[in-house]
């Protein structure tokens, strides 16, 4: 097996933060499923507590990345926002009819 040099084996700050952010997102998905599937109130409550902490961690990492310029946000165009809003309203009406 090939040996990695010291440089190849280490993550830079951006890569580390990206990995942390993706991990927190996966945890949120897993806790969300566990909350829905939990069979007792106490179990669901425990998963909800874990979910809340993971959500706080995810936002902290996201904020750090945004502050350092690693996570760029692009403003949405008004036309796109209006279209998405219309789509959402239409979907809500369709669901209500069924």
PDB file of N, CA and C in Angstrom:
ATOM      1  N   UNK A   1       0.834  -1.161   0.000  1.00  0.00           N
ATOM      2  CA  UNK A   1       0.000   0.000   0.000  1.00  0.00           C
ATOM      3  C   UNK A   1       0.894   1.244   0.000  1.00  0.00           C
ATOM      4  N   UNK A   2       0.508   2.243  -0.801  1.00  0.00           N
ATOM      5  CA  UNK A   2       1.299   3.461  -0.904  1.00  0.00           C
ATOM      6  C   UNK A   2       1.219   4.256   0.391  1.00  0.00           C
ATOM      7  N   UNK A   3       2.325   4.873   0.743  1.00  0.00           N
ATOM      8  CA  UNK A   3       2.382   5.670   1.964  1.00  0.00           C
ATOM      9  C   UNK A   3       2.110   7.131   1.608  1.00  0.00           C
ATOM     10  N   UNK A   4       1.211   7.777   2.355  1.00  0.00           N
ATOM     11  CA  UNK A   4       0.908   9.181   2.113  1.00  0.00           C
ATOM     12  C   UNK A   4       1.975  10.058   2.745  1.00  0.00           C
ATOM     13  N   UNK A   5       2.335  11.100   2.030  1.00  0.00           N
ATOM     14  CA  UNK A   5       3.260  12.060   2.633  1.00  0.00           C
ATOM     15  C   UNK A   5       2.504  12.821   3.720  1.00  0.00           C
ATOM     16  N   UNK A   6       3.248  13.513   4.575  1.00  0.00           N
ATOM     17  CA  UNK A   6       2.631  14.258   5.669  1.00  0.00           C
ATOM     18  C   UNK A   6       1.641  15.283   5.123  1.00  0.00           C
ATOM     19  N   UNK A   7       1.963  15.925   4.029  1.00  0.00           N
ATOM     20  CA  UNK A   7       1.103  16.938   3.424  1.00  0.00           C
ATOM     21  C   UNK A   7      -0.173  16.312   2.877  1.00  0.00           C
ATOM     22  N   UNK A   8      -0.084  15.155   2.253  1.00  0.00           N
ATOM     23  CA  UNK A   8      -1.248  14.499   1.664  1.00  0.00           C
ATOM     24  C   UNK A   8      -2.190  13.945   2.725  1.00  0.00           C
ATOM     25  N   UNK A   9      -1.682  13.629   3.873  1.00  0.00           N
ATOM     26  CA  UNK A   9      -2.485  13.016   4.920  1.00  0.00           C
ATOM     27  C   UNK A   9      -3.178  14.001   5.842  1.00  0.00           C
ATOM     28  N   UNK A  10      -2.985  15.286   5.640  1.00  0.00           N
ATOM     29  CA  UNK A  10      -3.588  16.260   6.547  1.00  0.00           C
ATOM     30  C   UNK A  10      -4.611  17.114   5.805  1.00  0.00           C
ATOM     31  N   UNK A  11      -5.620  17.526   6.546  1.00  0.00           N
ATOM     32  CA  UNK A  11      -6.653  18.383   5.982  1.00  0.00           C
ATOM     33  C   UNK A  11      -6.350  19.833   6.318  1.00  0.00           C
ATOM     34  N   UNK A  12      -6.645  20.706   5.379  1.00  0.00           N
ATOM     35  CA  UNK A  12      -6.518  22.122   5.700  1.00  0.00           C
ATOM     36  C   UNK A  12      -7.776  22.561   6.457  1.00  0.00           C
ATOM     37  N   UNK A  13      -7.804  23.779   6.908  1.00  0.00           N
ATOM     38  CA  UNK A  13      -8.917  24.258   7.722  1.00  0.00           C
ATOM     39  C   UNK A  13     -10.252  24.162   6.983  1.00  0.00           C
ATOM     40  N   UNK A  14     -10.274  24.573   5.725  1.00  0.00           N
ATOM     41  CA  UNK A  14     -11.514  24.530   4.953  1.00  0.00           C
ATOM     42  C   UNK A  14     -12.026  23.095   4.821  1.00  0.00           C
ATOM     43  N   UNK A  15     -11.143  22.166   4.506  1.00  0.00           N
ATOM     44  CA  UNK A  15     -11.546  20.758   4.375  1.00  0.00           C
ATOM     45  C   UNK A  15     -12.048  20.190   5.702  1.00  0.00           C
ATOM     46  N   UNK A  16     -11.383  20.555   6.786  1.00  0.00           N
ATOM     47  CA  UNK A  16     -11.806  20.088   8.110  1.00  0.00           C
ATOM     48  C   UNK A  16     -13.196  20.614   8.462  1.00  0.00           C
ATOM     49  N   UNK A  17     -13.406  21.907   8.218  1.00  0.00           N
ATOM     50  CA  UNK A  17     -14.716  22.491   8.519  1.00  0.00           C
ATOM     51  C   UNK A  17     -15.802  21.904   7.623  1.00  0.00           C
ATOM     52  N   UNK A  18     -15.478  21.674   6.362  1.00  0.00           N
ATOM     53  CA  UNK A  18     -16.442  21.056   5.445  1.00  0.00           C
ATOM     54  C   UNK A  18     -16.819  19.663   5.922  1.00  0.00           C
ATOM     55  N   UNK A  19     -15.830  18.898   6.355  1.00  0.00           N
ATOM     56  CA  UNK A  19     -16.088  17.558   6.882  1.00  0.00           C
ATOM     57  C   UNK A  19     -16.970  17.633   8.130  1.00  0.00           C
ATOM     58  N   UNK A  20     -16.673  18.578   9.014  1.00  0.00           N
ATOM     59  CA  UNK A  20     -17.471  18.749  10.231  1.00  0.00           C
ATOM     60  C   UNK A  20     -18.914  19.122   9.885  1.00  0.00           C
ATOM     61  N   UNK A  21     -19.082  20.040   8.922  1.00  0.00           N
ATOM     62  CA  UNK A  21     -20.419  20.469   8.527  1.00  0.00           C
ATOM     63  C   UNK A  21     -21.217  19.301   7.949  1.00  0.00           C
ATOM     64  N   UNK A  22     -20.591  18.526   7.070  1.00  0.00           N
ATOM     65  CA  UNK A  22     -21.267  17.377   6.470  1.00  0.00           C
ATOM     66  C   UNK A  22     -21.616  16.326   7.517  1.00  0.00           C
ATOM     67  N   UNK A  23     -20.749  16.137   8.484  1.00  0.00           N
ATOM     68  CA  UNK A  23     -21.021  15.180   9.557  1.00  0.00           C
ATOM     69  C   UNK A  23     -22.229  15.626  10.379  1.00  0.00           C
ATOM     70  N   UNK A  24     -22.284  16.904  10.728  1.00  0.00           N
ATOM     71  CA  UNK A  24     -23.425  17.417  11.493  1.00  0.00           C
ATOM     72  C   UNK A  24     -24.719  17.283  10.695  1.00  0.00           C
ATOM     73  N   UNK A  25     -24.663  17.513   9.394  1.00  0.00           N
ATOM     74  CA  UNK A  25     -25.854  17.356   8.555  1.00  0.00           C
ATOM     75  C   UNK A  25     -26.324  15.903   8.550  1.00  0.00           C
ATOM     76  N   UNK A  26     -25.397  14.968   8.476  1.00  0.00           N
ATOM     77  CA  UNK A  26     -25.767  13.548   8.513  1.00  0.00           C
ATOM     78  C   UNK A  26     -26.365  13.182   9.871  1.00  0.00           C
ATOM     79  N   UNK A  27     -25.797  13.721  10.943  1.00  0.00           N
ATOM     80  CA  UNK A  27     -26.345  13.482  12.277  1.00  0.00           C
ATOM     81  C   UNK A  27     -27.779  14.009  12.379  1.00  0.00           C
ATOM     82  N   UNK A  28     -28.012  15.196  11.836  1.00  0.00           N
ATOM     83  CA  UNK A  28     -29.362  15.756  11.859  1.00  0.00           C
ATOM     84  C   UNK A  28     -30.346  14.855  11.128  1.00  0.00           C
ATOM     85  N   UNK A  29     -29.942  14.339   9.982  1.00  0.00           N
ATOM     86  CA  UNK A  29     -30.806  13.411   9.245  1.00  0.00           C
ATOM     87  C   UNK A  29     -31.086  12.157  10.062  1.00  0.00           C
ATOM     88  N   UNK A  30     -30.061  11.618  10.692  1.00  0.00           N
ATOM     89  CA  UNK A  30     -30.216  10.396  11.487  1.00  0.00           C
ATOM     90  C   UNK A  30     -31.093  10.636  12.714  1.00  0.00           C
ATOM     91  N   UNK A  31     -30.867  11.744  13.417  1.00  0.00           N
ATOM     92  CA  UNK A  31     -31.696  12.038  14.585  1.00  0.00           C
ATOM     93  C   UNK A  31     -33.143  12.307  14.187  1.00  0.00           C
ATOM     94  N   UNK A  32     -33.348  12.955  13.055  1.00  0.00           N
ATOM     95  CA  UNK A  32     -34.708  13.207  12.583  1.00  0.00           C
ATOM     96  C   UNK A  32     -35.447  11.889  12.369  1.00  0.00           C
ATOM     97  N   UNK A  33     -34.782  10.945  11.733  1.00  0.00           N
ATOM     98  CA  UNK A  33     -35.380   9.627  11.525  1.00  0.00           C
ATOM     99  C   UNK A  33     -35.634   8.930  12.862  1.00  0.00           C
ATOM    100  N   UNK A  34     -34.673   8.998  13.765  1.00  0.00           N
ATOM    101  CA  UNK A  34     -34.816   8.345  15.067  1.00  0.00           C
ATOM    102  C   UNK A  34     -35.984   8.946  15.855  1.00  0.00           C
ATOM    103  N   UNK A  35     -36.172  10.251  15.755  1.00  0.00           N
ATOM    104  CA  UNK A  35     -37.298  10.896  16.445  1.00  0.00           C
ATOM    105  C   UNK A  35     -38.617  10.361  15.898  1.00  0.00           C
ATOM    106  N   UNK A  36     -38.706  10.242  14.573  1.00  0.00           N
ATOM    107  CA  UNK A  36     -39.943   9.747  13.953  1.00  0.00           C
ATOM    108  C   UNK A  36     -40.198   8.284  14.274  1.00  0.00           C
ATOM    109  N   UNK A  37     -39.141   7.500  14.427  1.00  0.00           N
ATOM    110  CA  UNK A  37     -39.276   6.059  14.602  1.00  0.00           C
ATOM    111  C   UNK A  37     -39.209   5.604  16.065  1.00  0.00           C
ATOM    112  N   UNK A  38     -38.851   6.508  16.974  1.00  0.00           N
ATOM    113  CA  UNK A  38     -38.729   6.139  18.380  1.00  0.00           C
ATOM    114  C   UNK A  38     -40.047   5.597  18.926  1.00  0.00           C
ATOM    115  N   UNK A  39     -39.979   4.563  19.740  1.00  0.00           N
ATOM    116  CA  UNK A  39     -41.199   3.880  20.191  1.00  0.00           C
ATOM    117  C   UNK A  39     -41.697   4.337  21.557  1.00  0.00           C
ATOM    118  N   UNK A  40     -40.932   5.181  22.244  1.00  0.00           N
ATOM    119  CA  UNK A  40     -41.409   5.712  23.520  1.00  0.00           C
ATOM    120  C   UNK A  40     -41.168   7.217  23.572  1.00  0.00           C
ATOM    121  N   UNK A  41     -41.944   7.889  24.410  1.00  0.00           N
ATOM    122  CA  UNK A  41     -41.781   9.340  24.534  1.00  0.00           C
ATOM    123  C   UNK A  41     -40.404   9.703  25.074  1.00  0.00           C
ATOM    124  N   UNK A  42     -39.916   8.915  26.028  1.00  0.00           N
ATOM    125  CA  UNK A  42     -38.612   9.244  26.609  1.00  0.00           C
ATOM    126  C   UNK A  42     -37.489   9.064  25.585  1.00  0.00           C
ATOM    127  N   UNK A  43     -37.599   8.048  24.749  1.00  0.00           N
ATOM    128  CA  UNK A  43     -36.594   7.834  23.702  1.00  0.00           C
ATOM    129  C   UNK A  43     -36.643   8.971  22.685  1.00  0.00           C
ATOM    130  N   UNK A  44     -37.844   9.336  22.274  1.00  0.00           N
ATOM    131  CA  UNK A  44     -37.996  10.450  21.324  1.00  0.00           C
ATOM    132  C   UNK A  44     -37.455  11.748  21.924  1.00  0.00           C
ATOM    133  N   UNK A  45     -37.708  11.944  23.203  1.00  0.00           N
ATOM    134  CA  UNK A  45     -37.227  13.144  23.881  1.00  0.00           C
ATOM    135  C   UNK A  45     -35.695  13.193  23.894  1.00  0.00           C
ATOM    136  N   UNK A  46     -35.080  12.052  24.139  1.00  0.00           N
ATOM    137  CA  UNK A  46     -33.616  11.982  24.144  1.00  0.00           C
ATOM    138  C   UNK A  46     -33.053  12.275  22.754  1.00  0.00           C
ATOM    139  N   UNK A  47     -33.681  11.698  21.728  1.00  0.00           N
ATOM    140  CA  UNK A  47     -33.230  11.969  20.362  1.00  0.00           C
ATOM    141  C   UNK A  47     -33.441  13.435  19.996  1.00  0.00           C
ATOM    142  N   UNK A  48     -34.528  14.023  20.469  1.00  0.00           N
ATOM    143  CA  UNK A  48     -34.787  15.435  20.194  1.00  0.00           C
ATOM    144  C   UNK A  48     -33.721  16.312  20.837  1.00  0.00           C
ATOM    145  N   UNK A  49     -33.308  15.950  22.033  1.00  0.00           N
ATOM    146  CA  UNK A  49     -32.240  16.683  22.709  1.00  0.00           C
ATOM    147  C   UNK A  49     -30.935  16.597  21.910  1.00  0.00           C
ATOM    148  N   UNK A  50     -30.631  15.415  21.427  1.00  0.00           N
ATOM    149  CA  UNK A  50     -29.431  15.223  20.602  1.00  0.00           C
ATOM    150  C   UNK A  50     -29.545  15.994  19.288  1.00  0.00           C
ATOM    151  N   UNK A  51     -30.739  15.983  18.696  1.00  0.00           N
ATOM    152  CA  UNK A  51     -30.987  16.714  17.454  1.00  0.00           C
ATOM    153  C   UNK A  51     -30.727  18.207  17.651  1.00  0.00           C
ATOM    154  N   UNK A  52     -31.253  18.747  18.760  1.00  0.00           N
ATOM    155  CA  UNK A  52     -31.088  20.172  19.036  1.00  0.00           C
ATOM    156  C   UNK A  52     -29.612  20.540  19.177  1.00  0.00           C
ATOM    157  N   UNK A  53     -28.845  19.717  19.875  1.00  0.00           N
ATOM    158  CA  UNK A  53     -27.412  19.982  20.039  1.00  0.00           C
ATOM    159  C   UNK A  53     -26.683  19.892  18.694  1.00  0.00           C
ATOM    160  N   UNK A  54     -27.027  18.889  17.883  1.00  0.00           N
ATOM    161  CA  UNK A  54     -26.403  18.752  16.563  1.00  0.00           C
ATOM    162  C   UNK A  54     -26.750  19.947  15.676  1.00  0.00           C
ATOM    163  N   UNK A  55     -27.983  20.442  15.796  1.00  0.00           N
ATOM    164  CA  UNK A  55     -28.399  21.606  15.011  1.00  0.00           C
ATOM    165  C   UNK A  55     -27.590  22.834  15.414  1.00  0.00           C
ATOM    166  N   UNK A  56     -27.366  22.994  16.710  1.00  0.00           N
ATOM    167  CA  UNK A  56     -26.556  24.115  17.195  1.00  0.00           C
ATOM    168  C   UNK A  56     -25.120  23.992  16.689  1.00  0.00           C
ATOM    169  N   UNK A  57     -24.573  22.782  16.725  1.00  0.00           N
ATOM    170  CA  UNK A  57     -23.205  22.553  16.236  1.00  0.00           C
ATOM    171  C   UNK A  57     -23.116  22.834  14.746  1.00  0.00           C
ATOM    172  N   UNK A  58     -24.109  22.371  14.001  1.00  0.00           N
ATOM    173  CA  UNK A  58     -24.112  22.582  12.545  1.00  0.00           C
ATOM    174  C   UNK A  58     -24.114  24.073  12.236  1.00  0.00           C
ATOM    175  N   UNK A  59     -24.940  24.830  12.942  1.00  0.00           N
ATOM    176  CA  UNK A  59     -25.017  26.265  12.681  1.00  0.00           C
ATOM    177  C   UNK A  59     -23.721  26.968  13.068  1.00  0.00           C
ATOM    178  N   UNK A  60     -23.088  26.527  14.140  1.00  0.00           N
ATOM    179  CA  UNK A  60     -21.809  27.108  14.557  1.00  0.00           C
ATOM    180  C   UNK A  60     -20.741  26.890  13.486  1.00  0.00           C
ATOM    181  N   UNK A  61     -20.658  25.666  12.965  1.00  0.00           N
ATOM    182  CA  UNK A  61     -19.668  25.372  11.917  1.00  0.00           C
ATOM    183  C   UNK A  61     -20.000  26.161  10.653  1.00  0.00           C
ATOM    184  N   UNK A  62     -21.281  26.177  10.267  1.00  0.00           N
ATOM    185  CA  UNK A  62     -21.702  26.932   9.091  1.00  0.00           C
ATOM    186  C   UNK A  62     -21.320  28.405   9.231  1.00  0.00           C
ATOM    187  N   UNK A  63     -21.599  28.989  10.393  1.00  0.00           N
ATOM    188  CA  UNK A  63     -21.287  30.403  10.625  1.00  0.00           C
ATOM    189  C   UNK A  63     -19.793  30.668  10.524  1.00  0.00           C
ATOM    190  N   UNK A  64     -18.994  29.759  11.073  1.00  0.00           N
ATOM    191  CA  UNK A  64     -17.527  29.891  10.998  1.00  0.00           C
ATOM    192  C   UNK A  64     -17.067  29.842   9.542  1.00  0.00           C
ATOM    193  N   UNK A  65     -17.624  28.913   8.782  1.00  0.00           N
ATOM    194  CA  UNK A  65     -17.243  28.793   7.375  1.00  0.00           C
ATOM    195  C   UNK A  65     -17.645  30.035   6.588  1.00  0.00           C
ATOM    196  N   UNK A  66     -18.836  30.542   6.866  1.00  0.00           N
ATOM    197  CA  UNK A  66     -19.314  31.742   6.174  1.00  0.00           C
ATOM    198  C   UNK A  66     -18.431  32.935   6.513  1.00  0.00           C
ATOM    199  N   UNK A  67     -18.076  33.074   7.792  1.00  0.00           N
ATOM    200  CA  UNK A  67     -17.230  34.183   8.248  1.00  0.00           C
ATOM    201  C   UNK A  67     -15.857  34.156   7.586  1.00  0.00           C
ATOM    202  N   UNK A  68     -15.319  32.961   7.387  1.00  0.00           N
ATOM    203  CA  UNK A  68     -13.983  32.816   6.802  1.00  0.00           C
ATOM    204  C   UNK A  68     -14.011  32.827   5.271  1.00  0.00           C
ATOM    205  N   UNK A  69     -15.210  32.902   4.698  1.00  0.00           N
ATOM    206  CA  UNK A  69     -15.330  32.940   3.242  1.00  0.00           C
ATOM    207  C   UNK A  69     -15.286  31.568   2.591  1.00  0.00           C
ATOM    208  N   UNK A  70     -15.427  30.503   3.380  1.00  0.00           N
ATOM    209  CA  UNK A  70     -15.403  29.148   2.844  1.00  0.00           C
ATOM    210  C   UNK A  70     -16.768  28.701   2.336  1.00  0.00           C
ATOM    211  N   UNK A  71     -17.815  29.387   2.763  1.00  0.00           N
ATOM    212  CA  UNK A  71     -19.185  29.013   2.392  1.00  0.00           C
ATOM    213  C   UNK A  71     -19.831  30.273   1.849  1.00  0.00           C
ATOM    214  N   UNK A  72     -19.889  30.369   0.555  1.00  0.00           N
ATOM    215  CA  UNK A  72     -20.416  31.575  -0.068  1.00  0.00           C
ATOM    216  C   UNK A  72     -21.906  31.418  -0.332  1.00  0.00           C
ATOM    217  N   UNK A  73     -22.640  32.455   0.033  1.00  0.00           N
ATOM    218  CA  UNK A  73     -24.069  32.482  -0.222  1.00  0.00           C
ATOM    219  C   UNK A  73     -24.344  33.461  -1.350  1.00  0.00           C
ATOM    220  N   UNK A  74     -25.212  33.060  -2.234  1.00  0.00           N
ATOM    221  CA  UNK A  74     -25.595  33.941  -3.331  1.00  0.00           C
ATOM    222  C   UNK A  74     -27.019  34.403  -3.081  1.00  0.00           C
ATOM    223  N   UNK A  75     -27.256  35.702  -3.222  1.00  0.00           N
ATOM    224  CA  UNK A  75     -28.625  36.178  -3.013  1.00  0.00           C
ATOM    225  C   UNK A  75     -29.551  35.611  -4.088  1.00  0.00           C
ATOM    226  N   UNK A  76     -30.738  35.244  -3.674  1.00  0.00           N
ATOM    227  CA  UNK A  76     -31.717  34.709  -4.613  1.00  0.00           C
ATOM    228  C   UNK A  76     -32.390  35.863  -5.356  1.00  0.00           C
ATOM    229  N   UNK A  77     -32.676  35.644  -6.609  1.00  0.00           N
ATOM    230  CA  UNK A  77     -33.380  36.654  -7.392  1.00  0.00           C
ATOM    231  C   UNK A  77     -34.846  36.648  -6.994  1.00  0.00           C
ATOM    232  N   UNK A  78     -35.465  37.821  -6.997  1.00  0.00           N
ATOM    233  CA  UNK A  78     -36.858  37.954  -6.594  1.00  0.00           C
ATOM    234  C   UNK A  78     -37.757  37.058  -7.436  1.00  0.00           C
ATOM    235  N   UNK A  79     -37.490  36.960  -8.720  1.00  0.00           N
ATOM    236  CA  UNK A  79     -38.315  36.132  -9.604  1.00  0.00           C
ATOM    237  C   UNK A  79     -38.280  34.664  -9.162  1.00  0.00           C
ATOM    238  N   UNK A  80     -37.103  34.184  -8.789  1.00  0.00           N
ATOM    239  CA  UNK A  80     -36.974  32.800  -8.348  1.00  0.00           C
ATOM    240  C   UNK A  80     -37.723  32.589  -7.024  1.00  0.00           C
ATOM    241  N   UNK A  81     -37.607  33.542  -6.096  1.00  0.00           N
ATOM    242  CA  UNK A  81     -38.327  33.445  -4.824  1.00  0.00           C
ATOM    243  C   UNK A  81     -39.837  33.441  -5.045  1.00  0.00           C
ATOM    244  N   UNK A  82     -40.298  34.318  -5.915  1.00  0.00           N
ATOM    245  CA  UNK A  82     -41.725  34.376  -6.217  1.00  0.00           C
ATOM    246  C   UNK A  82     -42.216  33.058  -6.813  1.00  0.00           C
ATOM    247  N   UNK A  83     -41.431  32.477  -7.711  1.00  0.00           N
ATOM    248  CA  UNK A  83     -41.816  31.220  -8.341  1.00  0.00           C
ATOM    249  C   UNK A  83     -41.874  30.090  -7.319  1.00  0.00           C
ATOM    250  N   UNK A  84     -40.897  30.010  -6.456  1.00  0.00           N
ATOM    251  CA  UNK A  84     -40.880  28.969  -5.423  1.00  0.00           C
ATOM    252  C   UNK A  84     -42.062  29.146  -4.471  1.00  0.00           C
ATOM    253  N   UNK A  85     -42.391  30.386  -4.140  1.00  0.00           N
ATOM    254  CA  UNK A  85     -43.529  30.660  -3.273  1.00  0.00           C
ATOM    255  C   UNK A  85     -44.826  30.199  -3.933  1.00  0.00           C
ATOM    256  N   UNK A  86     -44.984  30.493  -5.215  1.00  0.00           N
ATOM    257  CA  UNK A  86     -46.166  30.047  -5.958  1.00  0.00           C
ATOM    258  C   UNK A  86     -46.234  28.521  -6.006  1.00  0.00           C
ATOM    259  N   UNK A  87     -45.104  27.891  -6.249  1.00  0.00           N
ATOM    260  CA  UNK A  87     -45.062  26.420  -6.286  1.00  0.00           C
ATOM    261  C   UNK A  87     -45.491  25.830  -4.949  1.00  0.00           C
ATOM    262  N   UNK A  88     -45.023  26.424  -3.861  1.00  0.00           N
ATOM    263  CA  UNK A  88     -45.347  25.945  -2.524  1.00  0.00           C
ATOM    264  C   UNK A  88     -46.842  26.090  -2.241  1.00  0.00           C
ATOM    265  N   UNK A  89     -47.412  27.235  -2.596  1.00  0.00           N
ATOM    266  CA  UNK A  89     -48.842  27.467  -2.402  1.00  0.00           C
ATOM    267  C   UNK A  89     -49.657  26.481  -3.217  1.00  0.00           C
ATOM    268  N   UNK A  90     -49.257  26.283  -4.459  1.00  0.00           N
ATOM    269  CA  UNK A  90     -49.959  25.321  -5.342  1.00  0.00           C
ATOM    270  C   UNK A  90     -49.914  23.914  -4.756  1.00  0.00           C
ATOM    271  N   UNK A  91     -48.750  23.500  -4.273  1.00  0.00           N
ATOM    272  CA  UNK A  91     -48.603  22.166  -3.689  1.00  0.00           C
ATOM    273  C   UNK A  91     -49.483  22.037  -2.446  1.00  0.00           C
ATOM    274  N   UNK A  92     -49.525  23.064  -1.633  1.00  0.00           N
ATOM    275  CA  UNK A  92     -50.368  23.044  -0.442  1.00  0.00           C
ATOM    276  C   UNK A  92     -51.840  22.881  -0.785  1.00  0.00           C
ATOM    277  N   UNK A  93     -52.282  23.562  -1.833  1.00  0.00           N
ATOM    278  CA  UNK A  93     -53.669  23.437  -2.266  1.00  0.00           C
ATOM    279  C   UNK A  93     -53.968  22.037  -2.787  1.00  0.00           C
ATOM    280  N   UNK A  94     -53.018  21.456  -3.530  1.00  0.00           N
ATOM    281  CA  UNK A  94     -53.190  20.101  -4.048  1.00  0.00           C
ATOM    282  C   UNK A  94     -53.283  19.084  -2.913  1.00  0.00           C
ATOM    283  N   UNK A  95     -52.471  19.260  -1.917  1.00  0.00           N
ATOM    284  CA  UNK A  95     -52.493  18.351  -0.757  1.00  0.00           C
ATOM    285  C   UNK A  95     -53.813  18.482  -0.012  1.00  0.00           C
ATOM    286  N   UNK A  96     -54.284  19.716   0.148  1.00  0.00           N
ATOM    287  CA  UNK A  96     -55.535  19.960   0.867  1.00  0.00           C
ATOM    288  C   UNK A  96     -56.737  19.348   0.139  1.00  0.00           C
ATOM    289  N   UNK A  97     -56.676  19.244  -1.176  1.00  0.00           N
ATOM    290  CA  UNK A  97     -57.775  18.678  -1.959  1.00  0.00           C
ATOM    291  C   UNK A  97     -57.831  17.164  -1.830  1.00  0.00           C
ATOM    292  N   UNK A  98     -56.744  16.541  -1.514  1.00  0.00           N
ATOM    293  CA  UNK A  98     -56.705  15.072  -1.436  1.00  0.00           C
ATOM    294  C   UNK A  98     -57.101  14.579  -0.119  1.00  0.00           C
TER     295      UNK A  98
END
